[in-house]
């Protein structure tokens, strides 16, 4: 008779590799200078992150990099491969692509290696990773319930946002807004924010089902400039009250 194993372990891996991608994405954009440097090889310490594309924009040799970082002043993106442990980084097509495009590998597991077969290796600081998870667990949990479990019972946690746009009924802000809504299929209206850290930090806090109020306003009397004096009146020309369907995505075409 086959012996029955009566000892069963609970799976203590509370997240998958995608969470590490998310951690890197946010630290590269919003982390302190010290945090960003700790997640980059020495050769990129003085480079400024301009854009990060999740799961790369190119598929070559049946391989797509986990992240692609575009540094300011560099035309080509730098591919980044993310692994639990360095010994998981063993596929030749991955190694060849990363090496050829001056990329690097980031690992969560402890390692003493700074380079591996000519490729720069970065190890995640475990304390910083744990701090980030602790700070963001509520947001990450709600997003998982919305996207993975299809939960519709979180309306009591709906967030409300205000986007204030300067200009009257015939101003450029209104014209751009109309263009956004009409140049795509009417079933897929969108709004684009400038790609910078300040805007992204708010956008990353937005979630599906949140409400957003777009307000178009100007100072009375035709003067477009607004005063910092909170007692001064403003003229609200129009507004749109919308529900967020998808908080963030990027278009990689021209």
Protein backbone atom coordinates (compact mmCIF):
# COMPACT_ATOMS: atom_id res chain seq x y z
CA UNK A 1 0.00 0.00 0.00
CA UNK A 2 1.26 3.45 -0.93
CA UNK A 3 2.07 5.55 2.10
CA UNK A 4 -0.16 8.62 2.40
CA UNK A 5 1.59 11.88 3.08
CA UNK A 6 -0.44 13.44 5.90
CA UNK A 7 1.70 16.54 6.08
CA UNK A 8 0.51 19.24 3.71
CA UNK A 9 2.00 22.70 3.44
CA UNK A 10 0.07 25.82 2.69
CA UNK A 11 1.33 27.82 -0.27
CA UNK A 12 3.07 30.84 1.26
CA UNK A 13 3.80 32.61 -2.02
CA UNK A 14 1.35 35.49 -1.76
CA UNK A 15 2.07 37.05 -5.15
CA UNK A 16 3.36 36.28 -8.62
CA UNK A 17 6.08 37.82 -10.75
CA UNK A 18 3.71 40.50 -12.11
CA UNK A 19 3.71 42.17 -8.70
CA UNK A 20 7.49 42.57 -8.94
CA UNK A 21 6.96 44.22 -12.35
CA UNK A 22 4.50 46.64 -10.76
CA UNK A 23 6.92 47.41 -7.93
CA UNK A 24 9.72 48.19 -10.41
CA UNK A 25 7.40 50.24 -12.61
CA UNK A 26 6.40 52.48 -9.69
CA UNK A 27 9.85 52.73 -8.13
CA UNK A 28 11.48 53.71 -11.44
CA UNK A 29 8.85 56.44 -11.90
CA UNK A 30 8.10 57.63 -8.38
CA UNK A 31 10.86 56.33 -6.14
CA UNK A 32 13.50 58.52 -4.57
CA UNK A 33 16.80 58.99 -6.37
CA UNK A 34 18.39 56.44 -4.03
CA UNK A 35 15.64 53.88 -4.65
CA UNK A 36 15.90 54.25 -8.43
CA UNK A 37 19.70 53.95 -8.39
CA UNK A 38 19.42 50.80 -6.30
CA UNK A 39 17.35 49.22 -9.07
CA UNK A 40 19.63 50.26 -11.94
CA UNK A 41 23.14 49.18 -12.96
CA UNK A 42 25.86 51.75 -12.32
CA UNK A 43 25.99 52.75 -15.98
CA UNK A 44 22.44 54.14 -15.80
CA UNK A 45 22.69 55.97 -12.47
CA UNK A 46 22.95 59.38 -14.12
CA UNK A 47 20.26 58.67 -16.71
CA UNK A 48 16.75 60.07 -16.30
CA UNK A 49 13.80 57.75 -16.86
CA UNK A 50 11.53 59.16 -19.55
CA UNK A 51 9.12 56.29 -20.27
CA UNK A 52 8.62 52.71 -19.07
CA UNK A 53 6.77 50.23 -21.24
CA UNK A 54 5.46 47.10 -19.48
CA UNK A 55 6.27 43.83 -21.24
CA UNK A 56 8.21 45.57 -23.97
CA UNK A 57 7.11 46.94 -27.32
CA UNK A 58 8.90 44.43 -29.53
CA UNK A 59 8.78 40.69 -29.93
CA UNK A 60 12.00 39.25 -31.31
CA UNK A 61 13.17 35.63 -31.32
CA UNK A 62 9.82 34.73 -29.70
CA UNK A 63 10.75 36.84 -26.69
CA UNK A 64 9.29 39.99 -25.14
CA UNK A 65 11.20 41.76 -22.36
CA UNK A 66 9.37 42.22 -19.04
CA UNK A 67 10.00 45.98 -19.06
CA UNK A 68 11.50 48.43 -21.50
CA UNK A 69 12.95 51.66 -20.12
CA UNK A 70 13.46 54.69 -22.34
CA UNK A 71 16.00 57.05 -20.81
CA UNK A 72 16.03 60.72 -21.72
CA UNK A 73 18.36 61.41 -24.62
CA UNK A 74 18.48 57.76 -25.75
CA UNK A 75 16.56 56.80 -28.85
CA UNK A 76 16.33 53.07 -28.10
CA UNK A 77 14.74 51.44 -25.10
CA UNK A 78 16.66 49.32 -22.60
CA UNK A 79 15.11 45.87 -22.02
CA UNK A 80 14.79 44.56 -18.45
CA UNK A 81 14.23 40.91 -17.54
CA UNK A 82 12.73 40.17 -14.10
CA UNK A 83 13.31 36.86 -12.31
CA UNK A 84 12.69 35.36 -8.89
CA UNK A 85 16.24 34.02 -8.82
CA UNK A 86 19.25 34.48 -11.04
CA UNK A 87 19.35 30.76 -11.88
CA UNK A 88 15.90 31.20 -13.49
CA UNK A 89 17.57 33.36 -16.13
CA UNK A 90 18.74 30.56 -18.40
CA UNK A 91 17.03 30.81 -21.79
CA UNK A 92 19.51 31.64 -24.53
CA UNK A 93 17.11 33.82 -26.54
CA UNK A 94 16.50 35.97 -23.44
CA UNK A 95 20.20 36.28 -22.64
CA UNK A 96 21.14 37.10 -26.22
CA UNK A 97 18.45 39.76 -26.57
CA UNK A 98 19.25 41.45 -23.24
CA UNK A 99 22.97 41.45 -23.97
CA UNK A 100 22.56 42.70 -27.55
CA UNK A 101 20.35 45.61 -26.47
CA UNK A 102 22.45 46.68 -23.46
CA UNK A 103 19.78 45.58 -21.01
CA UNK A 104 19.97 44.05 -17.55
CA UNK A 105 18.28 41.51 -15.29
CA UNK A 106 16.55 42.23 -11.94
CA UNK A 107 16.17 39.46 -9.37
CA UNK A 108 14.32 39.22 -6.06
CA UNK A 109 16.37 36.33 -4.67
CA UNK A 110 19.68 37.02 -2.97
CA UNK A 111 22.78 36.94 -5.12
CA UNK A 112 26.37 38.15 -4.87
CA UNK A 113 26.76 38.40 -8.65
CA UNK A 114 26.86 41.87 -10.21
CA UNK A 115 27.14 40.47 -13.73
CA UNK A 116 26.04 37.19 -15.27
CA UNK A 117 27.55 36.08 -18.59
CA UNK A 118 28.34 39.69 -19.42
CA UNK A 119 24.88 40.99 -18.36
CA UNK A 120 24.39 43.42 -15.47
CA UNK A 121 22.50 41.99 -12.49
CA UNK A 122 20.46 44.04 -9.99
CA UNK A 123 19.04 42.59 -6.80
CA UNK A 124 15.90 44.09 -5.24
CA UNK A 125 16.26 45.43 -1.72
CA UNK A 126 13.99 43.15 0.31
CA UNK A 127 13.19 45.74 2.97
CA UNK A 128 12.17 48.30 0.37
CA UNK A 129 10.03 45.73 -1.46
CA UNK A 130 8.28 44.73 1.78
CA UNK A 131 7.69 48.42 2.64
CA UNK A 132 6.17 49.07 -0.81
CA UNK A 133 3.82 46.08 -0.53
CA UNK A 134 2.79 47.20 2.97
CA UNK A 135 2.06 50.75 1.78
CA UNK A 136 0.06 49.62 -1.26
CA UNK A 137 -1.69 46.43 -0.13
CA UNK A 138 -5.13 48.07 0.13
CA UNK A 139 -4.94 49.50 -3.40
CA UNK A 140 -3.47 46.30 -4.86
CA UNK A 141 -6.14 44.15 -3.18
CA UNK A 142 -8.97 46.32 -4.49
CA UNK A 143 -7.54 46.24 -8.03
CA UNK A 144 -7.24 42.43 -7.89
CA UNK A 145 -10.87 42.10 -6.78
CA UNK A 146 -12.05 44.41 -9.57
CA UNK A 147 -9.99 42.92 -12.39
CA UNK A 148 -9.49 39.28 -11.41
CA UNK A 149 -12.65 38.53 -9.42
CA UNK A 150 -14.94 40.90 -11.35
CA UNK A 151 -16.15 42.35 -8.07
CA UNK A 152 -18.93 44.92 -8.32
CA UNK A 153 -19.44 45.24 -4.56
CA UNK A 154 -16.84 47.88 -3.86
CA UNK A 155 -18.98 50.92 -4.64
CA UNK A 156 -18.58 52.17 -1.08
CA UNK A 157 -14.88 52.61 -1.86
CA UNK A 158 -15.37 54.49 -5.11
CA UNK A 159 -12.93 57.39 -5.41
CA UNK A 160 -13.84 60.77 -6.88
CA UNK A 161 -11.43 62.85 -8.96
CA UNK A 162 -11.46 66.38 -10.35
CA UNK A 163 -9.55 67.40 -13.49
CA UNK A 164 -9.53 71.20 -13.75
CA UNK A 165 -8.91 72.48 -17.29
CA UNK A 166 -8.37 76.16 -17.95
CA UNK A 167 -10.41 77.71 -20.75
CA UNK A 168 -13.84 78.78 -21.97
CA UNK A 169 -16.31 77.16 -24.34
CA UNK A 170 -14.18 77.92 -27.39
CA UNK A 171 -10.78 77.44 -25.75
CA UNK A 172 -8.13 74.96 -26.79
CA UNK A 173 -8.81 72.69 -23.79
CA UNK A 174 -12.43 72.13 -24.89
CA UNK A 175 -11.35 71.59 -28.50
CA UNK A 176 -8.78 68.99 -27.44
CA UNK A 177 -11.37 67.30 -25.22
CA UNK A 178 -13.85 67.05 -28.11
CA UNK A 179 -11.14 65.72 -30.37
CA UNK A 180 -10.26 62.98 -27.88
CA UNK A 181 -13.88 61.86 -27.75
CA UNK A 182 -14.56 61.92 -31.50
CA UNK A 183 -11.35 60.77 -33.20
CA UNK A 184 -11.71 57.25 -31.77
CA UNK A 185 -14.76 55.02 -32.01
CA UNK A 186 -17.54 56.57 -29.92
CA UNK A 187 -17.73 53.44 -27.77
CA UNK A 188 -14.14 53.99 -26.61
CA UNK A 189 -13.73 57.61 -25.51
CA UNK A 190 -10.46 58.41 -23.78
CA UNK A 191 -8.55 61.23 -22.19
CA UNK A 192 -4.77 61.58 -22.38
CA UNK A 193 -2.63 63.09 -19.66
CA UNK A 194 0.89 64.37 -20.09
CA UNK A 195 3.47 61.66 -19.49
CA UNK A 196 5.26 62.94 -16.41
CA UNK A 197 5.73 61.72 -12.84
CA UNK A 198 3.34 64.19 -11.24
CA UNK A 199 0.42 63.19 -13.48
CA UNK A 200 1.24 59.48 -13.36
CA UNK A 201 1.34 59.42 -9.59
CA UNK A 202 -2.32 60.46 -9.47
CA UNK A 203 -3.31 58.24 -12.40
CA UNK A 204 -1.82 55.19 -10.69
CA UNK A 205 -4.16 55.83 -7.75
CA UNK A 206 -7.19 55.82 -10.05
CA UNK A 207 -9.15 52.58 -10.34
CA UNK A 208 -11.86 51.14 -12.54
CA UNK A 209 -15.28 52.35 -11.42
CA UNK A 210 -13.98 55.62 -9.96
CA UNK A 211 -15.77 58.84 -10.96
CA UNK A 212 -14.00 61.80 -12.52
CA UNK A 213 -15.30 65.34 -13.01
CA UNK A 214 -13.74 67.39 -15.84
CA UNK A 215 -14.28 71.12 -15.22
CA UNK A 216 -13.57 73.79 -17.85
CA UNK A 217 -13.32 77.22 -16.23
CA UNK A 218 -11.80 80.68 -16.59
CA UNK A 219 -11.69 83.99 -14.75
CA UNK A 220 -14.70 86.28 -15.31
CA UNK A 221 -14.38 89.10 -17.83
CA UNK A 222 -12.61 87.10 -20.53
CA UNK A 223 -9.24 87.01 -18.80
CA UNK A 224 -7.97 83.41 -18.99
CA UNK A 225 -5.53 83.77 -16.12
CA UNK A 226 -6.71 82.63 -12.70
CA UNK A 227 -5.71 84.20 -9.42
CA UNK A 228 -4.27 82.22 -6.51
CA UNK A 229 -6.66 84.17 -4.28
CA UNK A 230 -9.34 81.62 -3.29
CA UNK A 231 -11.83 84.47 -2.74
CA UNK A 232 -11.78 85.38 -6.44
CA UNK A 233 -14.63 84.09 -8.58
CA UNK A 234 -14.18 81.69 -11.45
CA UNK A 235 -16.54 81.11 -14.36
CA UNK A 236 -17.34 77.45 -14.99
CA UNK A 237 -18.10 77.10 -18.68
CA UNK A 238 -18.89 73.40 -18.83
CA UNK A 239 -18.24 70.10 -17.11
CA UNK A 240 -18.34 66.35 -17.80
CA UNK A 241 -19.00 63.73 -15.13
CA UNK A 242 -17.54 60.37 -16.19
CA UNK A 243 -16.86 56.87 -14.92
CA UNK A 244 -13.34 55.48 -15.32
CA UNK A 245 -13.40 52.31 -17.41
CA UNK A 246 -9.65 51.79 -17.63
CA UNK A 247 -7.38 53.98 -15.47
CA UNK A 248 -4.17 53.69 -17.44
CA UNK A 249 -2.81 52.42 -20.71
CA UNK A 250 -0.34 53.75 -23.22
CA UNK A 251 -0.57 53.96 -27.01
CA UNK A 252 2.73 53.01 -28.59
CA UNK A 253 2.01 54.26 -32.11
CA UNK A 254 2.87 57.74 -33.40
